[in-house]
């Protein structure tokens, strides 16, 4: 008999983190760990000006949802690589028993300039 938690994990994997639906594969590098290809839902939210180490900079911002199987203990020192650009985890926005949602940022000009690159393109 499956539990509620099993059902949530199954729904996450079968529907939300399905690369035929909403998800894509990117590289995830946990702080102090090794690179791994993972499946995430990636939502580019735009370009913003933010203070980074006392300097006002333009950054591209995205929200990423990842399975707890791939990122059991996400950290703001973790990184993602997508489309050749490195994205830093800026904030852990939400966590539940099956997934984590994080805000990520990059200074890569390909994203700041408005061109969006999907996955490994």
PDB file of N, CA and C in Angstrom:
ATOM      1  N   UNK A   1       0.848  -1.172   0.000  1.00  0.00           N
ATOM      2  CA  UNK A   1       0.000   0.000   0.000  1.00  0.00           C
ATOM      3  C   UNK A   1       0.896   1.239   0.000  1.00  0.00           C
ATOM      4  N   UNK A   2       0.623   2.153  -0.892  1.00  0.00           N
ATOM      5  CA  UNK A   2       1.451   3.352  -0.961  1.00  0.00           C
ATOM      6  C   UNK A   2       0.944   4.421   0.002  1.00  0.00           C
ATOM      7  N   UNK A   3       1.886   5.210   0.472  1.00  0.00           N
ATOM      8  CA  UNK A   3       1.559   6.284   1.414  1.00  0.00           C
ATOM      9  C   UNK A   3       1.343   7.583   0.654  1.00  0.00           C
ATOM     10  N   UNK A   4       0.841   8.572   1.361  1.00  0.00           N
ATOM     11  CA  UNK A   4       0.660   9.904   0.786  1.00  0.00           C
ATOM     12  C   UNK A   4       1.989  10.429   0.258  1.00  0.00           C
ATOM     13  N   UNK A   5       3.068  10.225   1.010  1.00  0.00           N
ATOM     14  CA  UNK A   5       4.393  10.685   0.586  1.00  0.00           C
ATOM     15  C   UNK A   5       4.828   9.980  -0.695  1.00  0.00           C
ATOM     16  N   UNK A   6       4.554   8.685  -0.793  1.00  0.00           N
ATOM     17  CA  UNK A   6       4.880   7.954  -2.015  1.00  0.00           C
ATOM     18  C   UNK A   6       4.117   8.519  -3.203  1.00  0.00           C
ATOM     19  N   UNK A   7       2.844   8.835  -2.987  1.00  0.00           N
ATOM     20  CA  UNK A   7       2.020   9.402  -4.063  1.00  0.00           C
ATOM     21  C   UNK A   7       2.530  10.769  -4.501  1.00  0.00           C
ATOM     22  N   UNK A   8       2.930  11.607  -3.544  1.00  0.00           N
ATOM     23  CA  UNK A   8       3.468  12.928  -3.893  1.00  0.00           C
ATOM     24  C   UNK A   8       4.742  12.790  -4.721  1.00  0.00           C
ATOM     25  N   UNK A   9       5.623  11.891  -4.314  1.00  0.00           N
ATOM     26  CA  UNK A   9       6.876  11.673  -5.037  1.00  0.00           C
ATOM     27  C   UNK A   9       6.595  11.157  -6.436  1.00  0.00           C
ATOM     28  N   UNK A  10       5.663  10.238  -6.557  1.00  0.00           N
ATOM     29  CA  UNK A  10       5.306   9.688  -7.855  1.00  0.00           C
ATOM     30  C   UNK A  10       4.736  10.770  -8.773  1.00  0.00           C
ATOM     31  N   UNK A  11       3.845  11.602  -8.256  1.00  0.00           N
ATOM     32  CA  UNK A  11       3.278  12.705  -9.041  1.00  0.00           C
ATOM     33  C   UNK A  11       4.359  13.678  -9.483  1.00  0.00           C
ATOM     34  N   UNK A  12       5.278  13.991  -8.587  1.00  0.00           N
ATOM     35  CA  UNK A  12       6.365  14.905  -8.915  1.00  0.00           C
ATOM     36  C   UNK A  12       7.186  14.343 -10.069  1.00  0.00           C
ATOM     37  N   UNK A  13       7.568  13.076  -9.971  1.00  0.00           N
ATOM     38  CA  UNK A  13       8.395  12.457 -11.002  1.00  0.00           C
ATOM     39  C   UNK A  13       7.650  12.254 -12.312  1.00  0.00           C
ATOM     40  N   UNK A  14       6.402  11.795 -12.241  1.00  0.00           N
ATOM     41  CA  UNK A  14       5.652  11.429 -13.439  1.00  0.00           C
ATOM     42  C   UNK A  14       5.068  12.621 -14.195  1.00  0.00           C
ATOM     43  N   UNK A  15       4.766  13.694 -13.484  1.00  0.00           N
ATOM     44  CA  UNK A  15       4.082  14.819 -14.127  1.00  0.00           C
ATOM     45  C   UNK A  15       4.962  16.067 -14.162  1.00  0.00           C
ATOM     46  N   UNK A  16       5.332  16.562 -13.008  1.00  0.00           N
ATOM     47  CA  UNK A  16       6.020  17.850 -12.943  1.00  0.00           C
ATOM     48  C   UNK A  16       7.452  17.750 -13.470  1.00  0.00           C
ATOM     49  N   UNK A  17       8.205  16.750 -13.028  1.00  0.00           N
ATOM     50  CA  UNK A  17       9.596  16.618 -13.455  1.00  0.00           C
ATOM     51  C   UNK A  17       9.740  15.692 -14.661  1.00  0.00           C
ATOM     52  N   UNK A  18       8.785  15.725 -15.538  1.00  0.00           N
ATOM     53  CA  UNK A  18       8.783  14.938 -16.760  1.00  0.00           C
ATOM     54  C   UNK A  18       9.317  15.822 -17.888  1.00  0.00           C
ATOM     55  N   UNK A  19      10.425  15.416 -18.522  1.00  0.00           N
ATOM     56  CA  UNK A  19      11.020  16.244 -19.574  1.00  0.00           C
ATOM     57  C   UNK A  19      10.145  16.320 -20.822  1.00  0.00           C
ATOM     58  N   UNK A  20       9.141  15.470 -20.936  1.00  0.00           N
ATOM     59  CA  UNK A  20       8.183  15.579 -22.038  1.00  0.00           C
ATOM     60  C   UNK A  20       7.099  16.607 -21.711  1.00  0.00           C
ATOM     61  N   UNK A  21       7.087  17.081 -20.494  1.00  0.00           N
ATOM     62  CA  UNK A  21       6.073  18.046 -20.060  1.00  0.00           C
ATOM     63  C   UNK A  21       6.726  19.381 -19.697  1.00  0.00           C
ATOM     64  N   UNK A  22       7.020  19.590 -18.417  1.00  0.00           N
ATOM     65  CA  UNK A  22       7.497  20.879 -17.926  1.00  0.00           C
ATOM     66  C   UNK A  22       9.002  20.955 -17.687  1.00  0.00           C
ATOM     67  N   UNK A  23       9.654  19.842 -17.542  1.00  0.00           N
ATOM     68  CA  UNK A  23      11.024  19.823 -17.011  1.00  0.00           C
ATOM     69  C   UNK A  23      12.097  19.764 -18.095  1.00  0.00           C
ATOM     70  N   UNK A  24      13.335  20.003 -17.642  1.00  0.00           N
ATOM     71  CA  UNK A  24      14.503  19.892 -18.502  1.00  0.00           C
ATOM     72  C   UNK A  24      15.682  19.403 -17.660  1.00  0.00           C
ATOM     73  N   UNK A  25      16.708  18.926 -18.336  1.00  0.00           N
ATOM     74  CA  UNK A  25      17.902  18.457 -17.639  1.00  0.00           C
ATOM     75  C   UNK A  25      18.937  19.570 -17.584  1.00  0.00           C
ATOM     76  N   UNK A  26      19.548  19.737 -16.414  1.00  0.00           N
ATOM     77  CA  UNK A  26      20.615  20.704 -16.185  1.00  0.00           C
ATOM     78  C   UNK A  26      21.672  20.029 -15.315  1.00  0.00           C
ATOM     79  N   UNK A  27      22.795  20.702 -15.118  1.00  0.00           N
ATOM     80  CA  UNK A  27      23.828  20.186 -14.226  1.00  0.00           C
ATOM     81  C   UNK A  27      23.692  20.869 -12.875  1.00  0.00           C
ATOM     82  N   UNK A  28      23.697  20.070 -11.822  1.00  0.00           N
ATOM     83  CA  UNK A  28      23.597  20.567 -10.449  1.00  0.00           C
ATOM     84  C   UNK A  28      24.896  20.244  -9.726  1.00  0.00           C
ATOM     85  N   UNK A  29      25.464  21.248  -9.058  1.00  0.00           N
ATOM     86  CA  UNK A  29      26.686  21.051  -8.290  1.00  0.00           C
ATOM     87  C   UNK A  29      26.440  21.485  -6.853  1.00  0.00           C
ATOM     88  N   UNK A  30      26.228  20.529  -5.959  1.00  0.00           N
ATOM     89  CA  UNK A  30      26.062  20.897  -4.552  1.00  0.00           C
ATOM     90  C   UNK A  30      27.396  21.389  -3.990  1.00  0.00           C
ATOM     91  N   UNK A  31      27.334  22.316  -3.049  1.00  0.00           N
ATOM     92  CA  UNK A  31      28.544  22.852  -2.432  1.00  0.00           C
ATOM     93  C   UNK A  31      29.373  21.711  -1.862  1.00  0.00           C
ATOM     94  N   UNK A  32      30.629  21.630  -2.303  1.00  0.00           N
ATOM     95  CA  UNK A  32      31.526  20.584  -1.826  1.00  0.00           C
ATOM     96  C   UNK A  32      31.290  19.226  -2.457  1.00  0.00           C
ATOM     97  N   UNK A  33      30.386  19.164  -3.446  1.00  0.00           N
ATOM     98  CA  UNK A  33      30.054  17.881  -4.066  1.00  0.00           C
ATOM     99  C   UNK A  33      30.423  17.839  -5.531  1.00  0.00           C
ATOM    100  N   UNK A  34      29.980  16.809  -6.191  1.00  0.00           N
ATOM    101  CA  UNK A  34      30.283  16.588  -7.602  1.00  0.00           C
ATOM    102  C   UNK A  34      29.101  16.950  -8.488  1.00  0.00           C
ATOM    103  N   UNK A  35      29.405  17.316  -9.736  1.00  0.00           N
ATOM    104  CA  UNK A  35      28.375  17.627 -10.723  1.00  0.00           C
ATOM    105  C   UNK A  35      27.489  16.409 -10.974  1.00  0.00           C
ATOM    106  N   UNK A  36      26.208  16.676 -11.186  1.00  0.00           N
ATOM    107  CA  UNK A  36      25.267  15.617 -11.540  1.00  0.00           C
ATOM    108  C   UNK A  36      24.222  16.194 -12.489  1.00  0.00           C
ATOM    109  N   UNK A  37      23.827  15.411 -13.476  1.00  0.00           N
ATOM    110  CA  UNK A  37      22.729  15.819 -14.346  1.00  0.00           C
ATOM    111  C   UNK A  37      21.428  15.515 -13.625  1.00  0.00           C
ATOM    112  N   UNK A  38      20.578  16.535 -13.501  1.00  0.00           N
ATOM    113  CA  UNK A  38      19.308  16.395 -12.785  1.00  0.00           C
ATOM    114  C   UNK A  38      18.175  16.954 -13.637  1.00  0.00           C
ATOM    115  N   UNK A  39      16.974  16.587 -13.287  1.00  0.00           N
ATOM    116  CA  UNK A  39      15.786  17.089 -13.965  1.00  0.00           C
ATOM    117  C   UNK A  39      15.115  18.111 -13.060  1.00  0.00           C
ATOM    118  N   UNK A  40      14.841  19.292 -13.623  1.00  0.00           N
ATOM    119  CA  UNK A  40      14.244  20.383 -12.860  1.00  0.00           C
ATOM    120  C   UNK A  40      13.158  21.052 -13.683  1.00  0.00           C
ATOM    121  N   UNK A  41      12.306  21.807 -13.005  1.00  0.00           N
ATOM    122  CA  UNK A  41      11.421  22.747 -13.683  1.00  0.00           C
ATOM    123  C   UNK A  41      12.091  24.102 -13.540  1.00  0.00           C
ATOM    124  N   UNK A  42      12.344  24.762 -14.651  1.00  0.00           N
ATOM    125  CA  UNK A  42      13.097  26.013 -14.688  1.00  0.00           C
ATOM    126  C   UNK A  42      12.189  27.109 -15.209  1.00  0.00           C
ATOM    127  N   UNK A  43      12.037  28.181 -14.449  1.00  0.00           N
ATOM    128  CA  UNK A  43      11.190  29.308 -14.848  1.00  0.00           C
ATOM    129  C   UNK A  43      12.020  30.586 -14.849  1.00  0.00           C
ATOM    130  N   UNK A  44      12.386  31.049 -16.049  1.00  0.00           N
ATOM    131  CA  UNK A  44      13.095  32.324 -16.161  1.00  0.00           C
ATOM    132  C   UNK A  44      12.128  33.439 -15.777  1.00  0.00           C
ATOM    133  N   UNK A  45      12.484  34.205 -14.755  1.00  0.00           N
ATOM    134  CA  UNK A  45      11.567  35.250 -14.300  1.00  0.00           C
ATOM    135  C   UNK A  45      11.935  36.634 -14.799  1.00  0.00           C
ATOM    136  N   UNK A  46      13.145  36.815 -15.338  1.00  0.00           N
ATOM    137  CA  UNK A  46      13.501  38.102 -15.912  1.00  0.00           C
ATOM    138  C   UNK A  46      14.858  38.610 -15.471  1.00  0.00           C
ATOM    139  N   UNK A  47      15.086  39.887 -15.752  1.00  0.00           N
ATOM    140  CA  UNK A  47      16.335  40.555 -15.408  1.00  0.00           C
ATOM    141  C   UNK A  47      16.029  41.635 -14.389  1.00  0.00           C
ATOM    142  N   UNK A  48      16.856  41.706 -13.351  1.00  0.00           N
ATOM    143  CA  UNK A  48      16.654  42.693 -12.287  1.00  0.00           C
ATOM    144  C   UNK A  48      17.980  43.352 -11.954  1.00  0.00           C
ATOM    145  N   UNK A  49      17.888  44.515 -11.348  1.00  0.00           N
ATOM    146  CA  UNK A  49      19.077  45.143 -10.781  1.00  0.00           C
ATOM    147  C   UNK A  49      19.090  44.825  -9.296  1.00  0.00           C
ATOM    148  N   UNK A  50      20.219  44.303  -8.832  1.00  0.00           N
ATOM    149  CA  UNK A  50      20.357  43.937  -7.422  1.00  0.00           C
ATOM    150  C   UNK A  50      21.731  44.356  -6.927  1.00  0.00           C
ATOM    151  N   UNK A  51      21.777  44.624  -5.633  1.00  0.00           N
ATOM    152  CA  UNK A  51      23.067  44.903  -5.023  1.00  0.00           C
ATOM    153  C   UNK A  51      23.766  43.580  -4.715  1.00  0.00           C
ATOM    154  N   UNK A  52      24.931  43.403  -5.312  1.00  0.00           N
ATOM    155  CA  UNK A  52      25.759  42.237  -5.082  1.00  0.00           C
ATOM    156  C   UNK A  52      27.094  42.757  -4.539  1.00  0.00           C
ATOM    157  N   UNK A  53      27.379  42.457  -3.285  1.00  0.00           N
ATOM    158  CA  UNK A  53      28.608  42.931  -2.635  1.00  0.00           C
ATOM    159  C   UNK A  53      28.762  44.444  -2.813  1.00  0.00           C
ATOM    160  N   UNK A  54      27.717  45.183  -2.484  1.00  0.00           N
ATOM    161  CA  UNK A  54      27.690  46.654  -2.510  1.00  0.00           C
ATOM    162  C   UNK A  54      27.753  47.278  -3.894  1.00  0.00           C
ATOM    163  N   UNK A  55      27.616  46.475  -4.946  1.00  0.00           N
ATOM    164  CA  UNK A  55      27.592  47.003  -6.312  1.00  0.00           C
ATOM    165  C   UNK A  55      26.248  46.693  -6.951  1.00  0.00           C
ATOM    166  N   UNK A  56      25.637  47.690  -7.583  1.00  0.00           N
ATOM    167  CA  UNK A  56      24.382  47.473  -8.298  1.00  0.00           C
ATOM    168  C   UNK A  56      24.699  46.788  -9.616  1.00  0.00           C
ATOM    169  N   UNK A  57      24.151  45.573  -9.813  1.00  0.00           N
ATOM    170  CA  UNK A  57      24.430  44.778 -11.003  1.00  0.00           C
ATOM    171  C   UNK A  57      23.134  44.269 -11.605  1.00  0.00           C
ATOM    172  N   UNK A  58      23.132  44.089 -12.921  1.00  0.00           N
ATOM    173  CA  UNK A  58      22.019  43.420 -13.578  1.00  0.00           C
ATOM    174  C   UNK A  58      22.254  41.925 -13.495  1.00  0.00           C
ATOM    175  N   UNK A  59      21.216  41.206 -13.098  1.00  0.00           N
ATOM    176  CA  UNK A  59      21.291  39.750 -13.031  1.00  0.00           C
ATOM    177  C   UNK A  59      20.050  39.147 -13.669  1.00  0.00           C
ATOM    178  N   UNK A  60      20.225  38.003 -14.282  1.00  0.00           N
ATOM    179  CA  UNK A  60      19.080  37.220 -14.738  1.00  0.00           C
ATOM    180  C   UNK A  60      18.636  36.367 -13.564  1.00  0.00           C
ATOM    181  N   UNK A  61      17.321  36.260 -13.392  1.00  0.00           N
ATOM    182  CA  UNK A  61      16.753  35.542 -12.252  1.00  0.00           C
ATOM    183  C   UNK A  61      15.853  34.424 -12.765  1.00  0.00           C
ATOM    184  N   UNK A  62      15.919  33.284 -12.095  1.00  0.00           N
ATOM    185  CA  UNK A  62      15.045  32.155 -12.422  1.00  0.00           C
ATOM    186  C   UNK A  62      14.631  31.467 -11.129  1.00  0.00           C
ATOM    187  N   UNK A  63      13.548  30.714 -11.217  1.00  0.00           N
ATOM    188  CA  UNK A  63      13.101  29.885 -10.106  1.00  0.00           C
ATOM    189  C   UNK A  63      13.192  28.436 -10.570  1.00  0.00           C
ATOM    190  N   UNK A  64      13.794  27.596  -9.718  1.00  0.00           N
ATOM    191  CA  UNK A  64      14.047  26.202 -10.054  1.00  0.00           C
ATOM    192  C   UNK A  64      13.374  25.300  -9.030  1.00  0.00           C
ATOM    193  N   UNK A  65      12.662  24.289  -9.508  1.00  0.00           N
ATOM    194  CA  UNK A  65      12.119  23.257  -8.621  1.00  0.00           C
ATOM    195  C   UNK A  65      12.873  21.965  -8.895  1.00  0.00           C
ATOM    196  N   UNK A  66      13.358  21.332  -7.819  1.00  0.00           N
ATOM    197  CA  UNK A  66      14.167  20.125  -7.932  1.00  0.00           C
ATOM    198  C   UNK A  66      13.684  19.093  -6.914  1.00  0.00           C
ATOM    199  N   UNK A  67      13.762  17.840  -7.273  1.00  0.00           N
ATOM    200  CA  UNK A  67      13.361  16.751  -6.388  1.00  0.00           C
ATOM    201  C   UNK A  67      14.322  16.628  -5.212  1.00  0.00           C
ATOM    202  N   UNK A  68      13.797  16.253  -4.048  1.00  0.00           N
ATOM    203  CA  UNK A  68      14.634  15.992  -2.880  1.00  0.00           C
ATOM    204  C   UNK A  68      15.568  14.814  -3.137  1.00  0.00           C
ATOM    205  N   UNK A  69      15.213  13.936  -4.066  1.00  0.00           N
ATOM    206  CA  UNK A  69      16.097  12.831  -4.434  1.00  0.00           C
ATOM    207  C   UNK A  69      17.393  13.368  -5.033  1.00  0.00           C
ATOM    208  N   UNK A  70      17.299  14.449  -5.817  1.00  0.00           N
ATOM    209  CA  UNK A  70      18.473  15.039  -6.460  1.00  0.00           C
ATOM    210  C   UNK A  70      19.183  16.069  -5.593  1.00  0.00           C
ATOM    211  N   UNK A  71      18.451  16.719  -4.704  1.00  0.00           N
ATOM    212  CA  UNK A  71      19.033  17.749  -3.831  1.00  0.00           C
ATOM    213  C   UNK A  71      18.400  17.613  -2.449  1.00  0.00           C
ATOM    214  N   UNK A  72      18.918  16.689  -1.667  1.00  0.00           N
ATOM    215  CA  UNK A  72      18.326  16.402  -0.356  1.00  0.00           C
ATOM    216  C   UNK A  72      18.442  17.578   0.606  1.00  0.00           C
ATOM    217  N   UNK A  73      19.565  18.294   0.550  1.00  0.00           N
ATOM    218  CA  UNK A  73      19.807  19.423   1.458  1.00  0.00           C
ATOM    219  C   UNK A  73      20.366  20.604   0.675  1.00  0.00           C
ATOM    220  N   UNK A  74      19.526  21.300  -0.084  1.00  0.00           N
ATOM    221  CA  UNK A  74      20.036  22.407  -0.904  1.00  0.00           C
ATOM    222  C   UNK A  74      20.648  23.510  -0.036  1.00  0.00           C
ATOM    223  N   UNK A  75      21.602  24.221  -0.631  1.00  0.00           N
ATOM    224  CA  UNK A  75      22.373  25.234   0.084  1.00  0.00           C
ATOM    225  C   UNK A  75      22.543  26.450  -0.830  1.00  0.00           C
ATOM    226  N   UNK A  76      22.653  27.624  -0.266  1.00  0.00           N
ATOM    227  CA  UNK A  76      22.835  28.825  -1.080  1.00  0.00           C
ATOM    228  C   UNK A  76      24.219  28.896  -1.714  1.00  0.00           C
ATOM    229  N   UNK A  77      25.069  27.929  -1.447  1.00  0.00           N
ATOM    230  CA  UNK A  77      26.372  27.863  -2.110  1.00  0.00           C
ATOM    231  C   UNK A  77      26.364  26.868  -3.276  1.00  0.00           C
ATOM    232  N   UNK A  78      25.215  26.233  -3.541  1.00  0.00           N
ATOM    233  CA  UNK A  78      25.080  25.299  -4.654  1.00  0.00           C
ATOM    234  C   UNK A  78      25.018  26.074  -5.976  1.00  0.00           C
ATOM    235  N   UNK A  79      25.267  25.355  -7.075  1.00  0.00           N
ATOM    236  CA  UNK A  79      25.239  25.973  -8.406  1.00  0.00           C
ATOM    237  C   UNK A  79      24.516  25.062  -9.395  1.00  0.00           C
ATOM    238  N   UNK A  80      23.986  25.694 -10.437  1.00  0.00           N
ATOM    239  CA  UNK A  80      23.414  24.987 -11.577  1.00  0.00           C
ATOM    240  C   UNK A  80      24.144  25.469 -12.827  1.00  0.00           C
ATOM    241  N   UNK A  81      24.260  24.588 -13.828  1.00  0.00           N
ATOM    242  CA  UNK A  81      24.778  24.995 -15.133  1.00  0.00           C
ATOM    243  C   UNK A  81      23.684  24.698 -16.141  1.00  0.00           C
ATOM    244  N   UNK A  82      23.358  25.737 -16.914  1.00  0.00           N
ATOM    245  CA  UNK A  82      22.278  25.620 -17.904  1.00  0.00           C
ATOM    246  C   UNK A  82      22.654  26.462 -19.106  1.00  0.00           C
ATOM    247  N   UNK A  83      22.621  25.871 -20.269  1.00  0.00           N
ATOM    248  CA  UNK A  83      22.944  26.619 -21.475  1.00  0.00           C
ATOM    249  C   UNK A  83      24.341  27.208 -21.457  1.00  0.00           C
ATOM    250  N   UNK A  84      25.280  26.539 -20.771  1.00  0.00           N
ATOM    251  CA  UNK A  84      26.647  27.023 -20.712  1.00  0.00           C
ATOM    252  C   UNK A  84      26.897  28.085 -19.663  1.00  0.00           C
ATOM    253  N   UNK A  85      25.864  28.530 -18.977  1.00  0.00           N
ATOM    254  CA  UNK A  85      26.003  29.564 -17.948  1.00  0.00           C
ATOM    255  C   UNK A  85      25.911  28.954 -16.557  1.00  0.00           C
ATOM    256  N   UNK A  86      26.659  29.524 -15.628  1.00  0.00           N
ATOM    257  CA  UNK A  86      26.593  29.107 -14.231  1.00  0.00           C
ATOM    258  C   UNK A  86      25.579  29.981 -13.505  1.00  0.00           C
ATOM    259  N   UNK A  87      24.678  29.336 -12.786  1.00  0.00           N
ATOM    260  CA  UNK A  87      23.641  30.007 -12.006  1.00  0.00           C
ATOM    261  C   UNK A  87      23.877  29.682 -10.536  1.00  0.00           C
ATOM    262  N   UNK A  88      23.919  30.691  -9.699  1.00  0.00           N
ATOM    263  CA  UNK A  88      24.140  30.506  -8.265  1.00  0.00           C
ATOM    264  C   UNK A  88      22.806  30.481  -7.534  1.00  0.00           C
ATOM    265  N   UNK A  89      22.681  29.595  -6.560  1.00  0.00           N
ATOM    266  CA  UNK A  89      21.475  29.585  -5.729  1.00  0.00           C
ATOM    267  C   UNK A  89      21.518  30.815  -4.836  1.00  0.00           C
ATOM    268  N   UNK A  90      20.540  31.676  -4.996  1.00  0.00           N
ATOM    269  CA  UNK A  90      20.468  32.913  -4.224  1.00  0.00           C
ATOM    270  C   UNK A  90      19.607  32.754  -2.973  1.00  0.00           C
ATOM    271  N   UNK A  91      18.576  31.910  -3.058  1.00  0.00           N
ATOM    272  CA  UNK A  91      17.678  31.706  -1.914  1.00  0.00           C
ATOM    273  C   UNK A  91      16.951  30.383  -2.067  1.00  0.00           C
ATOM    274  N   UNK A  92      16.717  29.733  -0.931  1.00  0.00           N
ATOM    275  CA  UNK A  92      15.849  28.557  -0.890  1.00  0.00           C
ATOM    276  C   UNK A  92      14.468  29.102  -0.553  1.00  0.00           C
ATOM    277  N   UNK A  93      13.552  29.029  -1.507  1.00  0.00           N
ATOM    278  CA  UNK A  93      12.241  29.648  -1.303  1.00  0.00           C
ATOM    279  C   UNK A  93      11.253  28.754  -0.583  1.00  0.00           C
ATOM    280  N   UNK A  94      11.316  27.458  -0.860  1.00  0.00           N
ATOM    281  CA  UNK A  94      10.359  26.540  -0.233  1.00  0.00           C
ATOM    282  C   UNK A  94      10.924  25.129  -0.277  1.00  0.00           C
ATOM    283  N   UNK A  95      10.526  24.328   0.707  1.00  0.00           N
ATOM    284  CA  UNK A  95      10.889  22.915   0.729  1.00  0.00           C
ATOM    285  C   UNK A  95       9.715  22.129   1.295  1.00  0.00           C
ATOM    286  N   UNK A  96       9.497  20.952   0.726  1.00  0.00           N
ATOM    287  CA  UNK A  96       8.509  20.050   1.305  1.00  0.00           C
ATOM    288  C   UNK A  96       9.103  18.651   1.282  1.00  0.00           C
ATOM    289  N   UNK A  97       8.304  17.649   1.478  1.00  0.00           N
ATOM    290  CA  UNK A  97       8.843  16.293   1.592  1.00  0.00           C
ATOM    291  C   UNK A  97       9.375  15.740   0.272  1.00  0.00           C
ATOM    292  N   UNK A  98       8.978  16.344  -0.855  1.00  0.00           N
ATOM    293  CA  UNK A  98       9.394  15.779  -2.131  1.00  0.00           C
ATOM    294  C   UNK A  98      10.250  16.701  -2.993  1.00  0.00           C
ATOM    295  N   UNK A  99      10.233  18.023  -2.732  1.00  0.00           N
ATOM    296  CA  UNK A  99      10.981  18.926  -3.612  1.00  0.00           C
ATOM    297  C   UNK A  99      11.405  20.199  -2.892  1.00  0.00           C
ATOM    298  N   UNK A 100      12.303  20.922  -3.559  1.00  0.00           N
ATOM    299  CA  UNK A 100      12.748  22.235  -3.091  1.00  0.00           C
ATOM    300  C   UNK A 100      12.592  23.232  -4.227  1.00  0.00           C
ATOM    301  N   UNK A 101      12.269  24.458  -3.882  1.00  0.00           N
ATOM    302  CA  UNK A 101      12.172  25.539  -4.850  1.00  0.00           C
ATOM    303  C   UNK A 101      13.220  26.580  -4.480  1.00  0.00           C
ATOM    304  N   UNK A 102      14.045  26.960  -5.481  1.00  0.00           N
ATOM    305  CA  UNK A 102      15.142  27.887  -5.242  1.00  0.00           C
ATOM    306  C   UNK A 102      15.134  29.018  -6.250  1.00  0.00           C
ATOM    307  N   UNK A 103      15.557  30.196  -5.798  1.00  0.00           N
ATOM    308  CA  UNK A 103      15.817  31.295  -6.713  1.00  0.00           C
ATOM    309  C   UNK A 103      17.284  31.222  -7.087  1.00  0.00           C
ATOM    310  N   UNK A 104      17.570  31.308  -8.397  1.00  0.00           N
ATOM    311  CA  UNK A 104      18.942  31.282  -8.876  1.00  0.00           C
ATOM    312  C   UNK A 104      19.199  32.528  -9.713  1.00  0.00           C
ATOM    313  N   UNK A 105      20.467  32.966  -9.741  1.00  0.00           N
ATOM    314  CA  UNK A 105      20.828  34.151 -10.518  1.00  0.00           C
ATOM    315  C   UNK A 105      22.097  33.879 -11.313  1.00  0.00           C
ATOM    316  N   UNK A 106      22.258  34.635 -12.415  1.00  0.00           N
ATOM    317  CA  UNK A 106      23.483  34.591 -13.209  1.00  0.00           C
ATOM    318  C   UNK A 106      23.802  35.988 -13.714  1.00  0.00           C
ATOM    319  N   UNK A 107      25.101  36.207 -13.949  1.00  0.00           N
ATOM    320  CA  UNK A 107      25.562  37.455 -14.560  1.00  0.00           C
ATOM    321  C   UNK A 107      25.817  37.263 -16.050  1.00  0.00           C
ATOM    322  N   UNK A 108      25.585  36.065 -16.557  1.00  0.00           N
ATOM    323  CA  UNK A 108      25.880  35.732 -17.950  1.00  0.00           C
ATOM    324  C   UNK A 108      25.104  36.649 -18.894  1.00  0.00           C
ATOM    325  N   UNK A 109      25.806  37.325 -19.767  1.00  0.00           N
ATOM    326  CA  UNK A 109      25.206  38.322 -20.660  1.00  0.00           C
ATOM    327  C   UNK A 109      24.207  37.730 -21.648  1.00  0.00           C
ATOM    328  N   UNK A 110      24.316  36.444 -21.963  1.00  0.00           N
ATOM    329  CA  UNK A 110      23.355  35.818 -22.874  1.00  0.00           C
ATOM    330  C   UNK A 110      21.948  35.838 -22.287  1.00  0.00           C
ATOM    331  N   UNK A 111      21.853  35.797 -20.965  1.00  0.00           N
ATOM    332  CA  UNK A 111      20.550  35.802 -20.303  1.00  0.00           C
ATOM    333  C   UNK A 111      20.123  37.217 -19.954  1.00  0.00           C
ATOM    334  N   UNK A 112      21.065  38.040 -19.579  1.00  0.00           N
ATOM    335  CA  UNK A 112      20.745  39.426 -19.223  1.00  0.00           C
ATOM    336  C   UNK A 112      20.302  40.199 -20.446  1.00  0.00           C
ATOM    337  N   UNK A 113      20.891  39.860 -21.596  1.00  0.00           N
ATOM    338  CA  UNK A 113      20.546  40.536 -22.842  1.00  0.00           C
ATOM    339  C   UNK A 113      19.215  40.123 -23.422  1.00  0.00           C
ATOM    340  N   UNK A 114      18.512  39.218 -22.755  1.00  0.00           N
ATOM    341  CA  UNK A 114      17.171  38.844 -23.181  1.00  0.00           C
ATOM    342  C   UNK A 114      17.094  37.534 -23.940  1.00  0.00           C
ATOM    343  N   UNK A 115      18.228  36.970 -24.367  1.00  0.00           N
ATOM    344  CA  UNK A 115      18.197  35.689 -25.063  1.00  0.00           C
ATOM    345  C   UNK A 115      18.097  34.580 -24.049  1.00  0.00           C
ATOM    346  N   UNK A 116      17.119  33.732 -24.188  1.00  0.00           N
ATOM    347  CA  UNK A 116      16.961  32.600 -23.278  1.00  0.00           C
ATOM    348  C   UNK A 116      17.438  31.347 -23.967  1.00  0.00           C
ATOM    349  N   UNK A 117      18.242  30.596 -23.260  1.00  0.00           N
ATOM    350  CA  UNK A 117      18.806  29.364 -23.814  1.00  0.00           C
ATOM    351  C   UNK A 117      18.212  28.203 -23.045  1.00  0.00           C
ATOM    352  N   UNK A 118      17.655  27.247 -23.720  1.00  0.00           N
ATOM    353  CA  UNK A 118      17.043  26.095 -23.058  1.00  0.00           C
ATOM    354  C   UNK A 118      18.053  24.963 -22.968  1.00  0.00           C
ATOM    355  N   UNK A 119      18.162  24.397 -21.776  1.00  0.00           N
ATOM    356  CA  UNK A 119      18.980  23.206 -21.556  1.00  0.00           C
ATOM    357  C   UNK A 119      20.393  23.332 -22.057  1.00  0.00           C
ATOM    358  N   UNK A 120      20.845  22.373 -22.858  1.00  0.00           N
ATOM    359  CA  UNK A 120      22.226  22.323 -23.290  1.00  0.00           C
ATOM    360  C   UNK A 120      22.493  23.020 -24.616  1.00  0.00           C
ATOM    361  N   UNK A 121      21.585  23.838 -25.090  1.00  0.00           N
ATOM    362  CA  UNK A 121      21.784  24.510 -26.376  1.00  0.00           C
ATOM    363  C   UNK A 121      22.904  25.511 -26.307  1.00  0.00           C
TER     364      UNK A 121
END
